[in-house]
C-alpha atoms as a PDB file:
ATOM      1  CA  MET A   1     129.249  88.595 107.336  1.00  0.00           C
ATOM      2  CA  LYS A   2     125.812  90.088 108.134  1.00  0.00           C
ATOM      3  CA  LYS A   3     123.175  87.960 110.302  1.00  0.00           C
ATOM      4  CA  GLU A   4     120.225  86.527 108.100  1.00  0.00           C
ATOM      5  CA  ASN A   5     117.002  88.518 109.459  1.00  0.00           C
ATOM      6  CA  PRO A   6     113.747  86.992 109.225  1.00  0.00           C
ATOM      7  CA  THR A   7     111.694  87.885 106.245  1.00  0.00           C
ATOM      8  CA  ALA A   8     108.272  89.233 105.656  1.00  0.00           C
ATOM      9  CA  ALA A   9     105.867  89.557 102.394  1.00  0.00           C
ATOM     10  CA  LEU A  10     102.981  91.841 102.291  1.00  0.00           C
ATOM     11  CA  ILE A  11      99.773  91.252 100.629  1.00  0.00           C
ATOM     12  CA  ILE A  12      97.770  94.335  99.431  1.00  0.00           C
ATOM     13  CA  ILE A  13      94.354  93.251  98.285  1.00  0.00           C
ATOM     14  CA  GLY A  14      91.798  95.235  96.959  1.00  0.00           C
ATOM     15  CA  ASP A  15      90.398  95.897  93.346  1.00  0.00           C
ATOM     16  CA  GLU A  16      90.644  99.596  94.744  1.00  0.00           C
ATOM     17  CA  ILE A  17      94.293  99.647  94.744  1.00  0.00           C
ATOM     18  CA  LEU A  18      94.311  98.249  91.306  1.00  0.00           C
ATOM     19  CA  SER A  19      92.095 100.363  89.797  1.00  0.00           C
ATOM     20  CA  GLY A  20      94.203 103.508  91.001  1.00  0.00           C
ATOM     21  CA  ARG A  21      90.975 104.713  93.360  1.00  0.00           C
ATOM     22  CA  THR A  22      92.601 104.506  96.280  1.00  0.00           C
ATOM     23  CA  LEU A  23      96.226 105.486  97.017  1.00  0.00           C
ATOM     24  CA  ASP A  24      98.026 102.511  98.737  1.00  0.00           C
ATOM     25  CA  ILE A  25     100.028 104.291 101.660  1.00  0.00           C
ATOM     26  CA  ASN A  26     100.314 100.842 103.704  1.00  0.00           C
ATOM     27  CA  THR A  27     103.326  99.349 102.239  1.00  0.00           C
ATOM     28  CA  GLN A  28     106.018 102.430 103.410  1.00  0.00           C
ATOM     29  CA  HIS A  29     104.503 102.298 106.867  1.00  0.00           C
ATOM     30  CA  VAL A  30     105.053  98.408 106.752  1.00  0.00           C
ATOM     31  CA  ALA A  31     108.231  98.799 105.132  1.00  0.00           C
ATOM     32  CA  LYS A  32     109.592 101.157 107.418  1.00  0.00           C
ATOM     33  CA  THR A  33     108.159  99.263 110.605  1.00  0.00           C
ATOM     34  CA  MET A  34     109.770  96.130 109.520  1.00  0.00           C
ATOM     35  CA  GLY A  35     113.093  97.784 108.926  1.00  0.00           C
ATOM     36  CA  GLN A  36     113.339  98.906 112.245  1.00  0.00           C
ATOM     37  CA  LEU A  37     112.449  95.723 113.591  1.00  0.00           C
ATOM     38  CA  GLY A  38     115.373  94.200 111.249  1.00  0.00           C
ATOM     39  CA  ILE A  39     112.512  92.096 109.584  1.00  0.00           C
ATOM     40  CA  ASP A  40     113.778  92.030 105.567  1.00  0.00           C
ATOM     41  CA  LEU A  41     110.396  93.110 103.751  1.00  0.00           C
ATOM     42  CA  ILE A  42     111.231  90.940 100.635  1.00  0.00           C
ATOM     43  CA  GLU A  43     108.303  91.349  98.543  1.00  0.00           C
ATOM     44  CA  THR A  44     104.981  93.027  98.551  1.00  0.00           C
ATOM     45  CA  ARG A  45     102.371  92.242  95.668  1.00  0.00           C
ATOM     46  CA  VAL A  46      99.004  93.926  94.993  1.00  0.00           C
ATOM     47  CA  ILE A  47      96.221  91.681  94.260  1.00  0.00           C
ATOM     48  CA  PRO A  48      92.416  91.560  93.475  1.00  0.00           C
ATOM     49  CA  ASP A  49      89.358  90.751  95.379  1.00  0.00           C
ATOM     50  CA  VAL A  50      89.410  87.122  94.095  1.00  0.00           C
ATOM     51  CA  GLU A  51      89.363  84.303  96.083  1.00  0.00           C
ATOM     52  CA  ALA A  52      91.498  81.999  93.881  1.00  0.00           C
ATOM     53  CA  LYS A  53      94.131  84.425  93.782  1.00  0.00           C
ATOM     54  CA  ILE A  54      94.296  85.308  97.235  1.00  0.00           C
ATOM     55  CA  ILE A  55      94.422  81.379  98.558  1.00  0.00           C
ATOM     56  CA  HIS A  56      97.153  80.848  95.872  1.00  0.00           C
ATOM     57  CA  THR A  57      99.168  83.599  96.853  1.00  0.00           C
ATOM     58  CA  VAL A  58      98.829  83.221 100.714  1.00  0.00           C
ATOM     59  CA  ARG A  59      99.923  79.694 100.509  1.00  0.00           C
ATOM     60  CA  GLU A  60     103.261  80.118  98.112  1.00  0.00           C
ATOM     61  CA  LEU A  61     104.476  83.277 100.414  1.00  0.00           C
ATOM     62  CA  SER A  62     103.386  81.785 103.712  1.00  0.00           C
ATOM     63  CA  ALA A  63     105.766  78.751 102.586  1.00  0.00           C
ATOM     64  CA  SER A  64     108.399  80.921 101.295  1.00  0.00           C
ATOM     65  CA  HIS A  65     108.808  83.773 103.979  1.00  0.00           C
ATOM     66  CA  THR A  66     109.064  83.955 107.998  1.00  0.00           C
ATOM     67  CA  TYR A  67     106.260  86.476 108.347  1.00  0.00           C
ATOM     68  CA  VAL A  68     103.322  87.328 105.710  1.00  0.00           C
ATOM     69  CA  PHE A  69     100.977  90.279 106.441  1.00  0.00           C
ATOM     70  CA  THR A  70      97.752  91.393 104.401  1.00  0.00           C
ATOM     71  CA  THR A  71      96.012  94.343 104.429  1.00  0.00           C
ATOM     72  CA  GLY A  72      92.392  95.136 102.997  1.00  0.00           C
ATOM     73  CA  GLY A  73      89.492  92.933 102.426  1.00  0.00           C
ATOM     74  CA  ILE A  74      87.851  92.194 106.056  1.00  0.00           C
ATOM     75  CA  GLY A  75      85.532  94.351 106.569  1.00  0.00           C
ATOM     76  CA  PRO A  76      81.421  94.492 106.445  1.00  0.00           C
ATOM     77  CA  THR A  77      80.649  94.047 102.604  1.00  0.00           C
ATOM     78  CA  HIS A  78      79.850  91.452 100.203  1.00  0.00           C
ATOM     79  CA  ASP A  79      83.389  92.232  98.403  1.00  0.00           C
ATOM     80  CA  ASP A  80      85.403  91.895 101.442  1.00  0.00           C
ATOM     81  CA  ILE A  81      86.436  88.001 101.237  1.00  0.00           C
ATOM     82  CA  THR A  82      90.189  88.140 102.369  1.00  0.00           C
ATOM     83  CA  SER A  83      89.138  86.360 105.720  1.00  0.00           C
ATOM     84  CA  GLU A  84      87.178  83.349 103.974  1.00  0.00           C
ATOM     85  CA  SER A  85      89.596  83.015 101.457  1.00  0.00           C
ATOM     86  CA  VAL A  86      92.318  82.962 104.061  1.00  0.00           C
ATOM     87  CA  ALA A  87      90.335  80.138 105.966  1.00  0.00           C
ATOM     88  CA  LYS A  88      90.441  78.187 102.686  1.00  0.00           C
ATOM     89  CA  ALA A  89      94.228  78.403 101.898  1.00  0.00           C
ATOM     90  CA  PHE A  90      94.975  76.715 105.328  1.00  0.00           C
ATOM     91  CA  ASN A  91      91.847  74.506 104.562  1.00  0.00           C
ATOM     92  CA  GLN A  92      90.036  75.567 107.845  1.00  0.00           C
ATOM     93  CA  LYS A  93      86.377  76.082 108.417  1.00  0.00           C
ATOM     94  CA  TYR A  94      85.317  79.942 108.425  1.00  0.00           C
ATOM     95  CA  VAL A  95      83.536  80.179 111.944  1.00  0.00           C
ATOM     96  CA  LEU A  96      81.802  82.978 114.115  1.00  0.00           C
ATOM     97  CA  ASN A  97      84.529  84.104 116.435  1.00  0.00           C
ATOM     98  CA  LYS A  98      83.048  84.055 120.180  1.00  0.00           C
ATOM     99  CA  GLN A  99      85.480  86.526 121.481  1.00  0.00           C
ATOM    100  CA  ALA A 100      85.264  88.849 118.502  1.00  0.00           C
ATOM    101  CA  HIS A 101      81.620  88.967 117.849  1.00  0.00           C
ATOM    102  CA  PHE A 102      81.314  90.027 121.699  1.00  0.00           C
ATOM    103  CA  LEU A 103      83.624  92.940 121.194  1.00  0.00           C
ATOM    104  CA  LEU A 104      81.537  93.923 118.240  1.00  0.00           C
ATOM    105  CA  GLU A 105      78.625  93.738 120.279  1.00  0.00           C
ATOM    106  CA  GLU A 106      79.703  95.515 122.988  1.00  0.00           C
ATOM    107  CA  TYR A 107      81.364  98.582 120.796  1.00  0.00           C
ATOM    108  CA  TYR A 108      78.155  98.929 118.756  1.00  0.00           C
ATOM    109  CA  GLY A 109      75.192  97.262 120.986  1.00  0.00           C
ATOM    110  CA  LYS A 110      73.279  94.962 120.382  1.00  0.00           C
ATOM    111  CA  GLU A 111      70.473  96.463 118.261  1.00  0.00           C
ATOM    112  CA  ASN A 112      72.943  97.737 115.978  1.00  0.00           C
ATOM    113  CA  LEU A 113      74.713  94.527 115.368  1.00  0.00           C
ATOM    114  CA  ASN A 114      73.684  94.352 111.737  1.00  0.00           C
ATOM    115  CA  GLU A 115      74.495  91.781 109.135  1.00  0.00           C
ATOM    116  CA  GLY A 116      77.603  93.147 108.117  1.00  0.00           C
ATOM    117  CA  ARG A 117      79.193  93.690 111.108  1.00  0.00           C
ATOM    118  CA  VAL A 118      78.455  90.225 112.105  1.00  0.00           C
ATOM    119  CA  LYS A 119      80.759  89.149 108.962  1.00  0.00           C
ATOM    120  CA  MET A 120      83.460  90.849 110.557  1.00  0.00           C
ATOM    121  CA  ALA A 121      83.576  88.297 113.743  1.00  0.00           C
ATOM    122  CA  TYR A 122      83.704  85.622 111.005  1.00  0.00           C
ATOM    123  CA  VAL A 123      87.343  84.132 111.113  1.00  0.00           C
ATOM    124  CA  PRO A 124      89.515  80.879 110.181  1.00  0.00           C
ATOM    125  CA  GLU A 125      88.323  78.316 112.921  1.00  0.00           C
ATOM    126  CA  HIS A 126      92.014  78.360 114.628  1.00  0.00           C
ATOM    127  CA  ALA A 127      92.719  81.859 114.054  1.00  0.00           C
ATOM    128  CA  ASP A 128      94.201  84.394 116.793  1.00  0.00           C
ATOM    129  CA  LEU A 129      92.651  87.512 117.221  1.00  0.00           C
ATOM    130  CA  ILE A 130      94.704  90.617 116.242  1.00  0.00           C
ATOM    131  CA  PRO A 131      93.397  93.638 118.656  1.00  0.00           C
ATOM    132  CA  ASN A 132      91.818  96.495 117.017  1.00  0.00           C
ATOM    133  CA  SER A 133      91.985  99.874 119.181  1.00  0.00           C
ATOM    134  CA  ILE A 134      90.159 101.824 116.452  1.00  0.00           C
ATOM    135  CA  THR A 135      87.155 100.166 116.034  1.00  0.00           C
ATOM    136  CA  VAL A 136      87.582  96.724 117.894  1.00  0.00           C
ATOM    137  CA  ALA A 137      86.508  94.664 114.218  1.00  0.00           C
ATOM    138  CA  PRO A 138      89.914  92.457 114.657  1.00  0.00           C
ATOM    139  CA  GLY A 139      92.386  91.175 112.280  1.00  0.00           C
ATOM    140  CA  PHE A 140      93.677  87.453 112.966  1.00  0.00           C
ATOM    141  CA  ARG A 141      96.997  85.311 112.685  1.00  0.00           C
ATOM    142  CA  VAL A 142      96.724  82.431 111.132  1.00  0.00           C
ATOM    143  CA  GLY A 143     100.210  80.333 111.126  1.00  0.00           C
ATOM    144  CA  ASN A 144     102.689  82.698 109.897  1.00  0.00           C
ATOM    145  CA  VAL A 145      99.715  85.170 108.235  1.00  0.00           C
ATOM    146  CA  PHE A 146      98.661  88.196 110.062  1.00  0.00           C
ATOM    147  CA  VAL A 147      95.472  89.569 107.997  1.00  0.00           C
ATOM    148  CA  MET A 148      95.121  93.234 109.104  1.00  0.00           C
ATOM    149  CA  ALA A 149      92.485  95.742 107.810  1.00  0.00           C
ATOM    150  CA  GLY A 150      93.209  98.229 104.693  1.00  0.00           C
ATOM    151  CA  ILE A 151      92.364 101.340 106.261  1.00  0.00           C
ATOM    152  CA  PRO A 152      95.907 102.820 107.271  1.00  0.00           C
ATOM    153  CA  LYS A 153      95.219 104.142 110.668  1.00  0.00           C
ATOM    154  CA  ILE A 154      93.430 100.820 111.705  1.00  0.00           C
ATOM    155  CA  MET A 155      96.018  99.056 109.560  1.00  0.00           C
ATOM    156  CA  GLN A 156      98.983 100.907 111.894  1.00  0.00           C
ATOM    157  CA  ALA A 157      97.040 100.045 115.128  1.00  0.00           C
ATOM    158  CA  MET A 158      96.960  96.225 114.197  1.00  0.00           C
ATOM    159  CA  LEU A 159     100.651  96.024 113.465  1.00  0.00           C
ATOM    160  CA  GLU A 160     101.480  97.480 116.366  1.00  0.00           C
ATOM    161  CA  ALA A 161      99.938  95.164 118.448  1.00  0.00           C
ATOM    162  CA  ILE A 162     101.627  92.462 116.816  1.00  0.00           C
ATOM    163  CA  ILE A 163     105.079  93.764 117.084  1.00  0.00           C
ATOM    164  CA  PRO A 164     105.625  91.917 120.301  1.00  0.00           C
ATOM    165  CA  LEU A 165     104.594  88.650 118.446  1.00  0.00           C
ATOM    166  CA  LEU A 166     107.388  89.082 115.879  1.00  0.00           C
ATOM    167  CA  GLU A 167     111.056  87.628 116.150  1.00  0.00           C
ATOM    168  CA  LYS A 168     113.491  90.462 115.543  1.00  0.00           C
ATOM    169  CA  GLY A 169     116.633  90.829 113.757  1.00  0.00           C
ATOM    170  CA  ILE A 170     119.207  93.566 113.171  1.00  0.00           C
ATOM    171  CA  GLU A 171     118.080  96.854 111.927  1.00  0.00           C
ATOM    172  CA  VAL A 172     119.371  97.401 108.510  1.00  0.00           C
ATOM    173  CA  LYS A 173     120.926 101.305 108.862  1.00  0.00           C
ATOM    174  CA  SER A 174     120.897 103.633 105.936  1.00  0.00           C
ATOM    175  CA  GLN A 175     123.118 106.625 104.560  1.00  0.00           C
ATOM    176  CA  VAL A 176     122.413 108.981 101.342  1.00  0.00           C
ATOM    177  CA  LEU A 177     125.524 110.292  99.570  1.00  0.00           C
ATOM    178  CA  THR A 178     123.934 112.954  96.886  1.00  0.00           C
ATOM    179  CA  ALA A 179     126.547 113.382  93.700  1.00  0.00           C
ATOM    180  CA  TYR A 180     125.964 116.510  91.422  1.00  0.00           C
ATOM    181  CA  THR A 181     126.382 114.578  88.542  1.00  0.00           C
ATOM    182  CA  GLN A 182     124.602 112.058  85.409  1.00  0.00           C
ATOM    183  CA  GLU A 183     124.307 108.751  87.158  1.00  0.00           C
ATOM    184  CA  SER A 184     126.316 107.328  84.137  1.00  0.00           C
ATOM    185  CA  LYS A 185     129.051 109.131  85.083  1.00  0.00           C
ATOM    186  CA  ILE A 186     129.418 107.565  88.696  1.00  0.00           C
ATOM    187  CA  ALA A 187     128.232 104.068  87.574  1.00  0.00           C
ATOM    188  CA  ALA A 188     131.359 102.310  87.496  1.00  0.00           C
ATOM    189  CA  MET A 189     132.460 103.759  90.435  1.00  0.00           C
ATOM    190  CA  MET A 190     129.518 102.819  92.252  1.00  0.00           C
ATOM    191  CA  GLU A 191     130.232  99.123  90.975  1.00  0.00           C
ATOM    192  CA  GLU A 192     133.815  99.295  92.261  1.00  0.00           C
ATOM    193  CA  VAL A 193     133.018 100.039  95.964  1.00  0.00           C
ATOM    194  CA  GLN A 194     130.397  97.706  95.712  1.00  0.00           C
ATOM    195  CA  ASN A 195     131.861  94.892  94.760  1.00  0.00           C
ATOM    196  CA  GLU A 196     134.761  95.776  97.583  1.00  0.00           C
ATOM    197  CA  TYR A 197     131.870  95.838 100.186  1.00  0.00           C
ATOM    198  CA  ILE A 198     129.241  92.718  98.218  1.00  0.00           C
ATOM    199  CA  ASP A 199     128.891  91.108 101.499  1.00  0.00           C
ATOM    200  CA  ASP A 200     128.151  93.650 103.733  1.00  0.00           C
ATOM    201  CA  VAL A 201     126.616  96.757 102.155  1.00  0.00           C
ATOM    202  CA  ALA A 202     124.039  97.595  99.179  1.00  0.00           C
ATOM    203  CA  ILE A 203     124.474 100.218  97.253  1.00  0.00           C
ATOM    204  CA  GLY A 204     121.277 101.607  95.350  1.00  0.00           C
ATOM    205  CA  SER A 205     121.459 104.664  93.121  1.00  0.00           C
ATOM    206  CA  TYR A 206     118.448 107.243  92.775  1.00  0.00           C
ATOM    207  CA  PRO A 207     118.748 110.007  89.799  1.00  0.00           C
ATOM    208  CA  PHE A 208     117.035 113.390  90.508  1.00  0.00           C
ATOM    209  CA  VAL A 209     116.102 116.528  88.475  1.00  0.00           C
ATOM    210  CA  GLN A 210     115.570 119.813  90.535  1.00  0.00           C
ATOM    211  CA  GLY A 211     113.821 122.892  89.101  1.00  0.00           C
ATOM    212  CA  GLY A 212     112.815 121.852  85.920  1.00  0.00           C
ATOM    213  CA  ASN A 213     112.704 119.355  83.205  1.00  0.00           C
ATOM    214  CA  TYR A 214     115.811 117.130  82.463  1.00  0.00           C
ATOM    215  CA  GLY A 215     117.930 119.664  79.953  1.00  0.00           C
ATOM    216  CA  ASP A 216     116.365 122.672  80.548  1.00  0.00           C
ATOM    217  CA  THR A 217     118.396 125.684  81.614  1.00  0.00           C
ATOM    218  CA  GLY A 218     119.016 126.258  85.488  1.00  0.00           C
ATOM    219  CA  THR A 219     117.907 122.579  86.338  1.00  0.00           C
ATOM    220  CA  THR A 220     120.126 120.283  88.991  1.00  0.00           C
ATOM    221  CA  VAL A 221     120.532 117.016  87.963  1.00  0.00           C
ATOM    222  CA  GLY A 222     121.878 114.700  90.464  1.00  0.00           C
ATOM    223  CA  VAL A 223     122.085 110.862  91.999  1.00  0.00           C
ATOM    224  CA  ASN A 224     121.344 110.152  95.680  1.00  0.00           C
ATOM    225  CA  VAL A 225     123.397 106.844  96.375  1.00  0.00           C
ATOM    226  CA  VAL A 226     121.914 104.985  99.544  1.00  0.00           C
ATOM    227  CA  PHE A 227     124.345 102.568 101.302  1.00  0.00           C
ATOM    228  CA  ARG A 228     122.036 100.056 103.251  1.00  0.00           C
ATOM    229  CA  SER A 229     123.860  97.411 106.056  1.00  0.00           C
ATOM    230  CA  GLN A 230     123.350  96.180 109.652  1.00  0.00           C
ATOM    231  CA  SER A 231     126.883  97.527 110.011  1.00  0.00           C
ATOM    232  CA  GLU A 232     127.215 101.286 110.447  1.00  0.00           C
ATOM    233  CA  GLU A 233     131.028 100.834 110.415  1.00  0.00           C
ATOM    234  CA  LYS A 234     130.974  99.117 106.791  1.00  0.00           C
ATOM    235  CA  ILE A 235     128.237 101.815 105.851  1.00  0.00           C
ATOM    236  CA  ALA A 236     131.114 104.881 106.702  1.00  0.00           C
ATOM    237  CA  GLN A 237     133.780 102.796 105.140  1.00  0.00           C
ATOM    238  CA  SER A 238     132.009 102.088 101.727  1.00  0.00           C
ATOM    239  CA  VAL A 239     130.941 105.723 101.850  1.00  0.00           C
ATOM    240  CA  ARG A 240     134.075 107.221 101.903  1.00  0.00           C
ATOM    241  CA  GLU A 241     135.393 104.536  99.465  1.00  0.00           C
ATOM    242  CA  LEU A 242     132.965 106.425  96.983  1.00  0.00           C
ATOM    243  CA  GLU A 243     134.252 110.031  98.412  1.00  0.00           C
ATOM    244  CA  LYS A 244     137.415 109.535  97.399  1.00  0.00           C
ATOM    245  CA  ARG A 245     136.475 108.422  93.757  1.00  0.00           C
ATOM    246  CA  PHE A 246     134.383 111.626  93.403  1.00  0.00           C
ATOM    247  CA  THR A 247     136.975 114.142  94.748  1.00  0.00           C
ATOM    248  CA  ALA A 248     139.354 112.132  92.133  1.00  0.00           C
ATOM    249  CA  ALA A 249     136.800 112.907  89.433  1.00  0.00           C
ATOM    250  CA  ALA A 250     136.314 116.545  90.602  1.00  0.00           C
ATOM    251  CA  ILE A 251     132.267 115.382  91.272  1.00  0.00           C
ATOM    252  CA  LYS A 252     130.482 117.719  93.732  1.00  0.00           C
ATOM    253  CA  PHE A 253     128.894 115.990  96.412  1.00  0.00           C
ATOM    254  CA  GLU A 254     127.467 116.555  99.853  1.00  0.00           C
ATOM    255  CA  LYS A 255     125.973 114.001 102.748  1.00  0.00           C
END
């Protein structure tokens, strides 16, 4: 029986993501990092820069997951409202953090510490700062919620800094078995193997077409079958079971 890992949720905050002006690449990085740490990323939500929405989402996910990570909305402009919204979500005052202010003043120089930059030193009253090795302006933690920048390079630096604070689980391993056939032709075989290993292995299928559009002459149709588990042994066993079925049905496949 698999061990229950800590769980996490990711909140991507920003109108620019929802409008399509900015491409979200933070989700992939957070997901890969959580997998390596044995923390199960259960869900990701993309929400607008709306105070009520941020407050509601933070409260809901904080109550249902071991960790919540947010990205975006902690910059110097008027629409960066994540920090104040998180303060309200936890019923804390939104205050100037002396340590954050010192870091920003030292980095920019007192004469260059304008109103926008000072804004980045305001956090919930009882927050712990998250270091930012790129531009100094910190993220912060309140309870089980970690608030980070939206700029990928900065977010990645902040995430790296908080890893020692996170409870680790068992890393989920994965293996891919590629079948060169239509998904419908292997659906029953996959279901049989999944039912046999239901408590130990998650099996998913991801169809693809190479060389053109589906149905075109010269195209290659296939399915990447992905096996995920805490146990490499269970993965290997379930892969062998599916390989047997592919062989019996004369389906070409490769690892």
